[in-house]
Protein backbone atom coordinates (compact mmCIF):
# COMPACT_ATOMS: atom_id res chain seq x y z
CA MET A 1 0.00 0.00 0.00
CA ASN A 2 2.89 2.37 0.72
CA GLU A 3 4.31 1.78 -2.78
CA TRP A 4 0.98 2.39 -4.54
CA ALA A 5 0.71 5.37 -6.90
CA PRO A 6 -2.01 6.44 -9.37
CA ILE A 7 0.54 6.70 -12.20
CA ALA A 8 2.68 3.69 -13.07
CA LYS A 9 6.40 4.10 -12.44
CA GLU A 10 7.24 0.89 -14.29
CA TYR A 11 5.06 -0.79 -16.87
CA ASP A 12 3.47 -4.13 -16.00
CA PRO A 13 0.73 -5.51 -18.30
CA LEU A 14 -0.92 -7.35 -15.41
CA LYS A 15 -1.15 -4.21 -13.26
CA ALA A 16 -2.22 -2.08 -16.22
CA GLY A 17 -5.12 -4.48 -16.77
CA SER A 18 -6.32 -3.90 -13.20
CA ILE A 19 -8.41 -0.93 -12.14
CA ASP A 20 -6.38 -0.46 -8.95
CA GLY A 21 -3.14 -2.25 -9.88
CA THR A 22 -3.64 -5.11 -7.41
CA ASP A 23 -4.92 -7.94 -9.64
CA GLU A 24 -3.00 -11.20 -9.56
CA ASP A 25 -4.64 -12.98 -12.51
CA PRO A 26 -5.09 -11.69 -16.08
CA HIS A 27 -8.69 -10.86 -16.95
CA ASP A 28 -8.38 -10.96 -20.77
CA ARG A 29 -6.24 -12.46 -23.51
CA ALA A 30 -4.53 -9.18 -24.31
CA VAL A 31 -2.95 -9.19 -20.85
CA TRP A 32 -1.55 -12.65 -21.55
CA ARG A 33 -0.10 -11.36 -24.83
CA GLY A 34 1.44 -8.39 -23.07
CA MET A 35 2.97 -10.57 -20.35
CA SER A 36 4.56 -12.88 -22.93
CA ALA A 37 5.69 -10.12 -25.29
CA ARG A 38 9.36 -9.16 -25.60
CA TYR A 39 9.24 -5.66 -26.99
CA ILE A 40 12.27 -3.52 -27.80
CA PRO A 41 11.63 0.23 -28.16
CA ASN A 42 12.04 1.66 -31.62
CA GLU A 43 15.70 2.61 -31.94
CA GLY A 44 15.19 4.23 -35.32
CA VAL A 45 13.41 7.23 -33.79
CA SER A 46 15.74 10.17 -33.30
CA GLY A 47 15.46 12.92 -30.74
CA ASP A 48 15.53 13.24 -26.97
CA PRO A 49 12.68 11.18 -25.42
CA HIS A 50 12.76 13.31 -22.26
CA LEU A 51 11.85 16.39 -24.32
CA THR A 52 9.23 14.69 -26.49
CA LEU A 53 5.47 15.08 -26.12
CA PHE A 54 2.91 12.48 -27.22
CA VAL A 55 -0.28 13.91 -28.79
CA ALA A 56 -3.17 11.54 -29.55
CA ARG A 57 -6.85 11.60 -30.65
CA LEU A 58 -6.09 14.04 -33.42
CA ASN A 59 -8.48 14.82 -36.20
CA LEU A 60 -7.38 12.82 -39.23
CA GLN A 61 -7.38 16.07 -41.21
CA THR A 62 -4.93 17.78 -38.84
CA THR A 63 -1.56 18.49 -40.44
CA GLU A 64 1.97 19.17 -39.20
CA ASP A 65 1.52 22.88 -39.87
CA LYS A 66 -1.56 22.99 -37.64
CA LEU A 67 0.30 21.20 -34.84
CA LYS A 68 3.21 23.60 -35.14
CA GLU A 69 0.85 26.57 -34.99
CA VAL A 70 -0.81 25.32 -31.81
CA PHE A 71 2.11 23.87 -29.85
CA SER A 72 4.70 26.51 -30.70
CA ARG A 73 2.94 28.87 -28.29
CA TYR A 74 4.44 26.89 -25.39
CA GLY A 75 8.03 27.12 -26.60
CA ASP A 76 10.44 26.46 -29.44
CA ILE A 77 9.84 23.20 -31.27
CA ARG A 78 12.69 21.13 -32.57
CA LYS A 79 10.76 18.47 -34.47
CA ILE A 80 7.22 17.30 -35.21
CA ARG A 81 6.48 13.75 -36.36
CA LEU A 82 2.90 13.03 -37.39
CA VAL A 83 2.53 9.26 -37.68
CA ARG A 84 1.07 8.22 -41.03
CA ASP A 85 0.09 4.94 -42.66
CA LEU A 86 2.94 3.60 -44.79
CA VAL A 87 0.61 2.50 -47.59
CA THR A 88 -2.04 5.21 -47.81
CA GLY A 89 -0.12 8.09 -46.26
CA PHE A 90 -3.15 9.07 -44.16
CA SER A 91 -2.72 10.24 -40.58
CA LYS A 92 -3.19 7.67 -37.80
CA GLY A 93 -4.36 10.31 -35.36
CA TYR A 94 -1.29 10.76 -33.16
CA ALA A 95 2.02 12.61 -33.27
CA PHE A 96 5.27 13.27 -31.38
CA ILE A 97 6.49 16.80 -30.71
CA GLU A 98 10.04 17.44 -29.51
CA TYR A 99 10.83 20.72 -27.75
CA LYS A 100 14.16 22.44 -27.31
CA GLU A 101 13.73 23.17 -23.61
CA GLU A 102 12.27 21.20 -20.74
CA ARG A 103 10.19 24.09 -19.41
CA ALA A 104 8.35 24.28 -22.74
CA LEU A 105 7.66 20.55 -22.54
CA VAL A 106 6.27 20.84 -19.01
CA LYS A 107 4.11 23.82 -19.92
CA ALA A 108 2.64 22.06 -22.95
CA HIS A 109 2.02 18.92 -20.91
CA ARG A 110 0.15 20.97 -18.31
CA ASP A 111 -1.90 23.26 -20.56
CA ALA A 112 -2.40 21.49 -23.89
CA ASN A 113 -4.17 18.37 -22.61
CA LYS A 114 -7.86 18.28 -23.67
CA LEU A 115 -7.26 21.19 -26.04
CA ILE A 116 -9.64 21.44 -29.00
CA ILE A 117 -7.83 21.16 -32.35
CA ASP A 118 -9.90 20.93 -35.53
CA GLN A 119 -13.06 20.14 -33.53
CA ARG A 120 -11.34 17.28 -31.65
CA GLU A 121 -10.27 17.13 -27.99
CA VAL A 122 -6.68 15.90 -27.96
CA PHE A 123 -4.83 13.91 -25.34
CA VAL A 124 -1.32 15.01 -24.36
CA ASP A 125 1.26 13.09 -22.32
CA PHE A 126 4.99 12.52 -22.10
CA GLU A 127 6.50 9.95 -24.43
CA LEU A 128 6.51 6.58 -22.65
CA GLU A 129 7.96 4.13 -25.14
CA ARG A 130 11.55 5.16 -24.46
CA THR A 131 11.15 6.51 -20.93
CA LEU A 132 8.93 4.01 -19.06
CA LYS A 133 10.71 0.77 -18.18
CA GLY A 134 9.02 -2.36 -19.51
CA TRP A 135 6.76 -0.46 -21.92
CA ILE A 136 4.66 -2.60 -24.29
CA PRO A 137 2.45 -1.01 -26.97
CA ARG A 138 -1.25 -1.64 -27.15
CA ARG A 139 -1.00 -3.76 -30.31
CA LEU A 140 0.88 -6.33 -28.22
CA GLY A 141 -1.54 -6.23 -25.30
CA GLY A 142 -0.05 -3.31 -23.40
CA GLY A 143 -0.50 0.44 -23.44
CA PHE A 144 -2.70 2.65 -21.27
CA GLY A 145 -5.59 2.98 -23.72
CA GLY A 146 -8.45 0.76 -24.76
CA LYS A 147 -12.22 0.97 -24.80
CA LYS A 148 -14.89 -0.70 -22.73
CA GLU A 149 -16.58 -2.00 -25.88
CA SER A 150 -13.48 -3.94 -26.90
CA GLY A 151 -12.88 -5.25 -23.39
CA GLN A 152 -9.30 -3.96 -23.32
CA LEU A 153 -9.15 -1.35 -20.58
CA ARG A 154 -5.75 -0.25 -19.30
CA PHE A 155 -5.00 1.81 -16.21
CA GLY A 156 -2.01 3.53 -14.64
CA GLY A 157 -1.62 6.36 -17.11
CA ARG A 158 -2.55 10.02 -17.09
CA ASP A 159 -5.84 9.54 -18.89
CA ARG A 160 -6.98 6.64 -16.70
CA PRO A 161 -4.97 6.46 -13.45
CA PHE A 162 -5.17 3.65 -10.93
CA ARG A 163 -7.91 3.88 -8.33
CA LYS A 164 -6.90 3.73 -4.73
CA PRO A 165 -7.35 0.19 -3.35
CA ILE A 166 -9.99 -0.32 -0.67
CA ASN A 167 -8.66 -2.01 2.47
CA LEU A 168 -11.52 -3.46 4.51
CA PRO A 169 -10.81 -3.90 8.27
CA ALA A 170 -10.70 -7.48 9.55
CA MET A 171 -13.82 -8.65 11.36
CA LYS A 172 -13.30 -9.69 14.99
CA SER A 173 -16.20 -12.12 15.19
CA ASP A 174 -15.74 -15.64 13.81
CA PHE A 175 -19.36 -15.56 12.69
CA TYR A 176 -18.77 -12.56 10.41
CA ARG A 177 -15.39 -13.85 9.27
CA GLU A 178 -16.53 -17.34 8.33
CA GLY A 179 -20.19 -16.76 7.41
CA SER A 180 -21.42 -15.55 4.09
CA ALA A 181 -23.18 -12.25 3.51
CA GLU A 182 -26.39 -14.08 2.70
CA ARG A 183 -26.36 -15.92 6.02
CA ARG A 184 -25.70 -12.72 7.93
CA GLU A 185 -28.59 -11.04 6.15
CA ARG A 186 -30.97 -13.86 7.06
CA ALA A 187 -29.84 -13.71 10.69
CA TRP A 188 -30.39 -9.97 10.83
CA SER A 189 -33.87 -10.42 9.33
CA ARG A 190 -34.84 -13.05 11.91
CA GLU A 191 -33.53 -10.93 14.76
CA GLY A 192 -35.38 -7.87 13.48
CA ALA A 193 -38.69 -9.76 13.11
CA ARG A 194 -38.37 -11.27 16.61
CA ASP A 195 -37.62 -7.88 18.17
CA TRP A 196 -40.61 -6.34 16.39
CA LYS A 197 -42.98 -9.03 17.68
CA ILE A 198 -41.73 -8.59 21.25
CA ARG A 199 -42.10 -4.81 21.13
CA ASN A 200 -45.60 -5.07 19.64
CA ARG A 201 -46.69 -7.58 22.31
CA ASP A 202 -45.39 -5.40 25.16
CA ARG A 203 -47.16 -2.37 23.66
CA GLU A 204 -50.51 -4.21 23.55
CA ARG A 205 -50.16 -5.39 27.16
CA SER A 206 -49.38 -1.87 28.36
CA ARG A 207 -52.41 -0.49 26.48
CA GLU A 208 -54.74 -3.08 28.04
CA GLN A 209 -53.50 -2.24 31.54
CA ARG A 210 -54.00 1.51 31.09
CA TRP A 211 -57.32 1.50 29.23
CA PRO A 212 -59.24 -1.77 29.70
CA GLU A 213 -62.02 -0.67 27.33
CA ARG A 214 -59.54 0.26 24.63
CA GLY A 215 -57.42 -2.73 25.35
CA ARG A 216 -60.10 -5.10 24.13
CA GLY A 217 -58.86 -4.53 20.64
CA GLU A 218 -60.34 -3.35 17.39
CA SER A 219 -61.70 -6.74 16.40
CA GLU A 220 -63.90 -7.06 19.54
CA ARG A 221 -65.33 -3.57 19.14
CA ASP A 222 -66.07 -4.28 15.49
CA ARG A 223 -68.01 -7.41 16.43
CA GLU A 224 -70.14 -5.50 18.97
CA ARG A 225 -70.88 -2.77 16.42
CA ALA A 226 -71.89 -5.35 13.82
CA GLY A 227 -74.23 -7.00 16.38
CA ARG A 228 -75.95 -3.72 17.16
CA GLU A 229 -76.50 -3.04 13.47
CA ASP A 230 -77.96 -6.51 12.96
CA ARG A 231 -80.38 -5.91 15.83
CA GLY A 232 -81.49 -2.63 14.29
CA GLY A 233 -79.46 -0.49 16.68
CA GLY A 234 -77.33 1.09 14.00
CA ARG A 235 -78.09 3.59 11.28
CA GLU A 236 -78.36 0.94 8.59
CA GLY A 237 -80.73 -1.11 10.76
CA ARG A 238 -82.97 1.91 11.40
CA ASP A 239 -83.08 2.69 7.69
CA ARG A 240 -84.10 -0.84 6.93
CA GLU A 241 -86.91 -0.66 9.55
CA ARG A 242 -88.28 2.60 8.10
CA LYS A 243 -88.29 1.20 4.59
CA ARG A 244 -90.04 -1.97 5.78
CA HIS A 245 -92.81 0.02 7.57
CA SER A 246 -93.22 2.24 4.52
CA ARG A 247 -93.66 -0.76 2.23
CA GLU A 248 -96.21 -2.36 4.63
CA GLY A 249 -98.23 0.88 4.86
CA SER A 250 -98.35 1.19 1.08
CA ARG A 251 -99.49 -2.41 0.74
CA LYS A 252 -102.28 -1.94 3.34
CA GLN A 253 -103.58 1.19 1.61
CA ARG A 254 -103.59 -0.63 -1.73
CA ASP A 255 -105.47 -3.56 -0.23
CA GLY A 256 -107.95 -1.32 1.62
CA GLU A 257 -106.83 -2.31 5.04
CA GLY A 258 -105.60 1.09 6.07
CA PRO A 259 -107.64 4.11 7.27
């Protein structure tokens, strides 16, 4: 934990494939490829790697002149190399910019990241191929890029740093240490239901002792009310009696029995 850092100090494909740099098993085939790869940095590239800036996610229409116009505001540029396809000559969307002074490099690294160039937000970082020990490019299963759709996510770089590992404290109880979360949840549910029943029973007993009439409960009072209504003591019973007398009076008048 003391050696953990959000940015990788040495490249390891297994750690780069982990969101917090603590995984011990590869989670995809690309990690296996990166672990078995033996990559040697490109020695044919000239220039000082410690003064070189890596610029990615460029618009495919962006040219060297446009890059020089934008990045020369941070300092004097020694060389710009826009990577192009060897067959078609089209841009691959990334470039390397070498400055003459280190302060210009640091300023561009700080201010040019997420800059909009030709309607595209660019990504800026130091060159890693010749400066980060153990570096392996993405095409061999390494790198710090990748997309969720492809399943190849890499962490430890500026764009996607490692997340701080979560250290959970050890449980003191053997029950919590050895039991599963599902068993603990069931136990908590049983304890909660039992406590609720006990509290409800004590509340009913206390109510009966304070107010005997009220303590009889809602069900007993409902039965008494229903009995009174059946005997004609309630409103509905009285209405039924009035309607019955009215019907009998009408029948007697119709039959000539009434006054």
